[in-house]
Amino acid sequence: MKKFMSFLNIISVTEGKDRYIRNLINRMSTVDNAKSSGESISFKAHREAESLSDKDLIPILVDHISNSSSQGLKSFRNAAYFILSKLLQKHENLEALQFLINQLKLEIDKYVISSMLDRISELNKTESIELAPIFQFVQHQDWTIRHSAIRALKKSRDPQARKVILEIILRSKGDFRKNKEDIIYSVSTLSDIGTIEDLELLEELSINKIRDIRDSSTYAIETINKRQ
């Protein structure tokens, strides 16, 4: 009897957390007539989401995202991705992280994809994490998605991520002015995942005529050297 009652309590708590998440997501997606963005329901709900630390919410969010496949529910999923990414910053869960990255293959809205990539950039990605869903966007024609994808490879320990970033830089060197932003974003990511083997290339970029390329490369050199 005690085991049965304990089971019922677990079910009750889980249902309560599920209702809370649905309510929070709905508030995050609300558009109201607040006098300022800081007073809006959505703004306050996002700040509330950032403060969450209950790891038991992770499987609940994964379940909600998995069951909202309709593109009409993209605002719901976008809010759920936000909460999930904030929780994954506090609790390592490689399965949930891989799930989040794999969702990139299913989304078609460029704003959702870009925001997902931005959030993934903040998460530690071990060598076991499959990054192919991110790689598919590093040459995307839309610069917002392309740059977010390059940034999303930060905090990755897969050697392939570094190789992809180096390929972008080498390819972009053909026209520094046209590809300036791609180079800067790539160098920024390289400052996080690069090695001493990349210093020669960065030294070359650190004397480039374009100041932003010079500055970002100099910073990357300093950062990599500090890690050694």
Protein backbone atom coordinates (compact mmCIF):
# COMPACT_ATOMS: atom_id res chain seq x y z
CA MET A 1 0.00 0.00 0.00
CA LYS A 2 2.83 2.40 0.90
CA LYS A 3 4.57 1.68 -2.39
CA PHE A 4 1.32 2.34 -4.25
CA MET A 5 0.77 5.65 -2.44
CA SER A 6 4.37 6.63 -3.14
CA PHE A 7 3.79 5.87 -6.81
CA LEU A 8 0.67 8.04 -6.82
CA ASN A 9 2.61 10.89 -5.22
CA ILE A 10 5.27 10.67 -7.92
CA ILE A 11 2.59 10.76 -10.61
CA SER A 12 0.94 13.77 -8.94
CA VAL A 13 4.24 15.69 -8.72
CA THR A 14 5.09 14.90 -12.35
CA GLU A 15 1.66 16.05 -13.52
CA GLY A 16 2.08 19.25 -11.54
CA LYS A 17 5.44 19.96 -13.17
CA ASP A 18 3.98 19.17 -16.56
CA ARG A 19 1.17 21.69 -16.02
CA TYR A 20 3.67 24.28 -14.82
CA ILE A 21 5.84 23.88 -17.94
CA ARG A 22 2.85 24.17 -20.26
CA ASN A 23 1.73 27.30 -18.44
CA LEU A 24 5.22 28.82 -18.55
CA ILE A 25 5.62 28.09 -22.26
CA ASN A 26 2.25 29.69 -22.97
CA ARG A 27 3.27 32.79 -21.04
CA MET A 28 6.59 32.95 -22.89
CA SER A 29 4.66 32.90 -26.17
CA THR A 30 2.12 35.54 -25.12
CA VAL A 31 1.93 38.81 -27.05
CA ASP A 32 0.35 41.57 -24.96
CA ASN A 33 0.09 45.38 -24.96
CA ALA A 34 2.58 46.10 -22.19
CA LYS A 35 3.95 49.65 -22.09
CA SER A 36 7.50 48.32 -22.36
CA SER A 37 9.10 45.00 -23.22
CA GLY A 38 10.35 44.68 -19.63
CA GLU A 39 6.77 44.71 -18.38
CA SER A 40 5.42 42.16 -20.84
CA ILE A 41 4.19 38.73 -19.82
CA SER A 42 6.65 37.11 -22.22
CA PHE A 43 9.68 39.00 -20.86
CA LYS A 44 8.88 38.07 -17.26
CA ALA A 45 8.24 34.44 -18.25
CA HIS A 46 11.62 34.24 -20.00
CA ARG A 47 13.37 35.56 -16.90
CA GLU A 48 11.47 32.97 -14.85
CA ALA A 49 12.61 30.26 -17.24
CA GLU A 50 16.23 31.34 -16.82
CA SER A 51 15.98 30.84 -13.07
CA LEU A 52 14.77 27.22 -13.26
CA SER A 53 17.10 24.52 -11.96
CA ASP A 54 14.92 21.42 -11.59
CA LYS A 55 16.53 18.70 -13.71
CA ASP A 56 13.29 16.69 -13.61
CA LEU A 57 11.87 19.24 -16.05
CA ILE A 58 14.27 18.10 -18.79
CA PRO A 59 12.42 14.88 -19.79
CA ILE A 60 9.11 16.76 -19.57
CA LEU A 61 10.38 19.35 -22.04
CA VAL A 62 11.76 16.68 -24.37
CA ASP A 63 8.36 14.99 -24.33
CA HIS A 64 6.53 18.23 -25.11
CA ILE A 65 8.86 19.06 -27.99
CA SER A 66 8.58 15.54 -29.40
CA ASN A 67 4.79 15.81 -29.40
CA SER A 68 4.58 19.23 -31.07
CA SER A 69 5.65 18.37 -34.59
CA SER A 70 3.23 20.72 -36.35
CA GLN A 71 4.90 23.84 -37.74
CA GLY A 72 1.92 25.76 -36.38
CA LEU A 73 3.34 25.11 -32.91
CA LYS A 74 6.78 26.58 -33.62
CA SER A 75 6.35 29.32 -30.99
CA PHE A 76 5.60 26.61 -28.42
CA ARG A 77 8.70 24.63 -29.41
CA ASN A 78 10.89 27.73 -29.52
CA ALA A 79 9.96 28.53 -25.93
CA ALA A 80 10.55 24.91 -24.92
CA TYR A 81 13.98 24.97 -26.58
CA PHE A 82 14.82 28.07 -24.57
CA ILE A 83 13.93 26.43 -21.25
CA LEU A 84 15.67 23.18 -22.16
CA SER A 85 18.91 24.95 -23.12
CA LYS A 86 18.94 26.91 -19.85
CA LEU A 87 18.49 23.72 -17.84
CA LEU A 88 21.23 21.95 -19.83
CA GLN A 89 23.62 24.72 -18.83
CA LYS A 90 23.06 23.67 -15.22
CA HIS A 91 22.72 19.90 -15.63
CA GLU A 92 24.78 17.75 -17.99
CA ASN A 93 22.44 15.47 -19.91
CA LEU A 94 24.06 14.25 -23.10
CA GLU A 95 20.95 12.47 -24.33
CA ALA A 96 18.83 15.62 -24.02
CA LEU A 97 21.59 17.73 -25.60
CA GLN A 98 21.78 15.37 -28.56
CA PHE A 99 18.00 15.53 -28.82
CA LEU A 100 18.15 19.33 -28.94
CA ILE A 101 20.83 19.29 -31.65
CA ASN A 102 18.94 16.66 -33.67
CA GLN A 103 15.86 18.88 -33.66
CA LEU A 104 17.75 21.19 -36.02
CA LYS A 105 17.05 18.64 -38.76
CA LEU A 106 13.29 19.04 -38.27
CA GLU A 107 12.88 22.81 -38.01
CA ILE A 108 12.33 24.95 -41.12
CA ASP A 109 11.77 28.43 -39.71
CA LYS A 110 15.03 30.38 -39.97
CA TYR A 111 14.41 32.37 -36.80
CA VAL A 112 13.79 29.22 -34.76
CA ILE A 113 16.89 27.55 -36.23
CA SER A 114 19.09 30.59 -35.60
CA SER A 115 17.93 30.96 -32.00
CA MET A 116 18.44 27.22 -31.39
CA LEU A 117 21.99 27.45 -32.69
CA ASP A 118 22.69 30.46 -30.48
CA ARG A 119 21.54 28.51 -27.43
CA ILE A 120 23.55 25.43 -28.41
CA SER A 121 26.66 27.61 -28.57
CA GLU A 122 26.41 28.08 -24.79
CA LEU A 123 26.40 24.33 -24.06
CA ASN A 124 29.39 22.04 -23.53
CA LYS A 125 29.49 19.44 -26.27
CA THR A 126 31.63 16.40 -25.53
CA GLU A 127 33.37 14.41 -28.24
CA SER A 128 30.52 11.88 -28.16
CA ILE A 129 27.97 14.45 -29.33
CA GLU A 130 27.07 14.16 -33.02
CA LEU A 131 27.45 17.63 -34.60
CA ALA A 132 26.33 16.87 -38.16
CA PRO A 133 23.02 18.74 -37.69
CA ILE A 134 25.09 21.87 -36.94
CA PHE A 135 27.60 21.31 -39.75
CA GLN A 136 24.78 21.40 -42.30
CA PHE A 137 24.25 25.11 -41.58
CA VAL A 138 27.82 26.48 -41.58
CA GLN A 139 27.56 27.29 -45.30
CA HIS A 140 23.92 28.34 -45.27
CA GLN A 141 23.03 31.17 -47.65
CA ASP A 142 21.28 33.09 -44.86
CA TRP A 143 24.04 34.86 -42.91
CA THR A 144 22.11 34.82 -39.61
CA ILE A 145 21.87 31.03 -39.70
CA ARG A 146 25.42 30.62 -41.02
CA HIS A 147 26.96 32.77 -38.31
CA SER A 148 24.88 31.15 -35.58
CA ALA A 149 26.00 27.71 -36.81
CA ILE A 150 29.66 28.75 -36.72
CA ARG A 151 29.17 30.06 -33.19
CA ALA A 152 27.30 26.89 -32.17
CA LEU A 153 30.54 24.92 -32.55
CA LYS A 154 32.00 26.71 -29.54
CA LYS A 155 32.49 24.51 -26.47
CA SER A 156 32.76 21.45 -28.71
CA ARG A 157 35.41 18.81 -28.11
CA ASP A 158 34.91 16.96 -31.39
CA PRO A 159 38.06 17.45 -33.55
CA GLN A 160 35.81 17.60 -36.60
CA ALA A 161 34.37 20.91 -35.35
CA ARG A 162 37.82 22.50 -35.42
CA LYS A 163 38.44 21.08 -38.89
CA VAL A 164 35.19 22.59 -40.17
CA ILE A 165 36.06 26.01 -38.73
CA LEU A 166 39.54 25.93 -40.29
CA GLU A 167 38.03 25.03 -43.66
CA ILE A 168 35.71 28.04 -43.46
CA ILE A 169 38.61 30.38 -42.71
CA LEU A 170 40.83 28.99 -45.48
CA ARG A 171 37.99 29.13 -47.98
CA SER A 172 37.08 32.68 -46.95
CA LYS A 173 40.63 34.00 -47.37
CA GLY A 174 40.00 34.34 -51.10
CA ASP A 175 38.07 37.56 -50.49
CA PHE A 176 38.66 39.09 -47.06
CA ARG A 177 36.23 41.97 -47.48
CA LYS A 178 33.37 39.89 -48.82
CA ASN A 179 33.86 37.17 -46.21
CA LYS A 180 34.93 39.37 -43.30
CA GLU A 181 32.07 38.39 -40.99
CA ASP A 182 32.46 34.67 -41.69
CA ILE A 183 36.15 34.94 -40.81
CA ILE A 184 35.51 36.91 -37.61
CA TYR A 185 32.87 34.45 -36.36
CA SER A 186 35.11 31.51 -37.27
CA VAL A 187 38.13 33.01 -35.52
CA SER A 188 36.00 33.66 -32.45
CA THR A 189 34.98 30.00 -32.37
CA LEU A 190 38.55 28.93 -33.00
CA SER A 191 39.63 30.91 -29.94
CA ASP A 192 37.53 28.44 -27.94
CA ILE A 193 38.29 25.14 -29.70
CA GLY A 194 41.58 25.87 -31.46
CA THR A 195 45.04 24.46 -30.65
CA ILE A 196 48.62 25.66 -30.93
CA GLU A 197 48.64 24.18 -34.43
CA ASP A 198 46.31 27.01 -35.47
CA LEU A 199 48.58 29.81 -34.27
CA GLU A 200 50.41 30.12 -37.59
CA LEU A 201 47.15 30.81 -39.43
CA LEU A 202 45.99 33.21 -36.73
CA GLU A 203 49.34 35.03 -36.81
CA GLU A 204 48.80 35.56 -40.52
CA LEU A 205 45.32 36.96 -39.90
CA SER A 206 46.57 39.16 -37.05
CA ILE A 207 48.35 41.42 -39.56
CA ASN A 208 45.39 41.63 -41.95
CA LYS A 209 44.46 45.06 -43.31
CA ILE A 210 40.96 44.75 -41.86
CA ARG A 211 41.04 45.81 -38.22
CA ASP A 212 38.23 43.55 -36.98
CA ILE A 213 40.00 40.51 -38.42
CA ARG A 214 43.28 41.61 -36.85
CA ASP A 215 41.72 42.20 -33.44
CA SER A 216 39.74 38.94 -33.34
CA SER A 217 42.79 36.95 -34.44
CA THR A 218 45.03 38.59 -31.83
CA TYR A 219 42.50 37.76 -29.14
CA ALA A 220 42.29 34.15 -30.36
CA ILE A 221 46.08 33.81 -30.20
CA GLU A 222 46.14 35.10 -26.63
CA THR A 223 43.27 32.81 -25.59
CA ILE A 224 44.79 29.68 -27.12
CA ASN A 225 48.17 30.40 -25.59
CA LYS A 226 46.58 30.79 -22.15
CA ARG A 227 45.08 27.31 -22.42
CA GLN A 228 48.43 25.63 -23.07
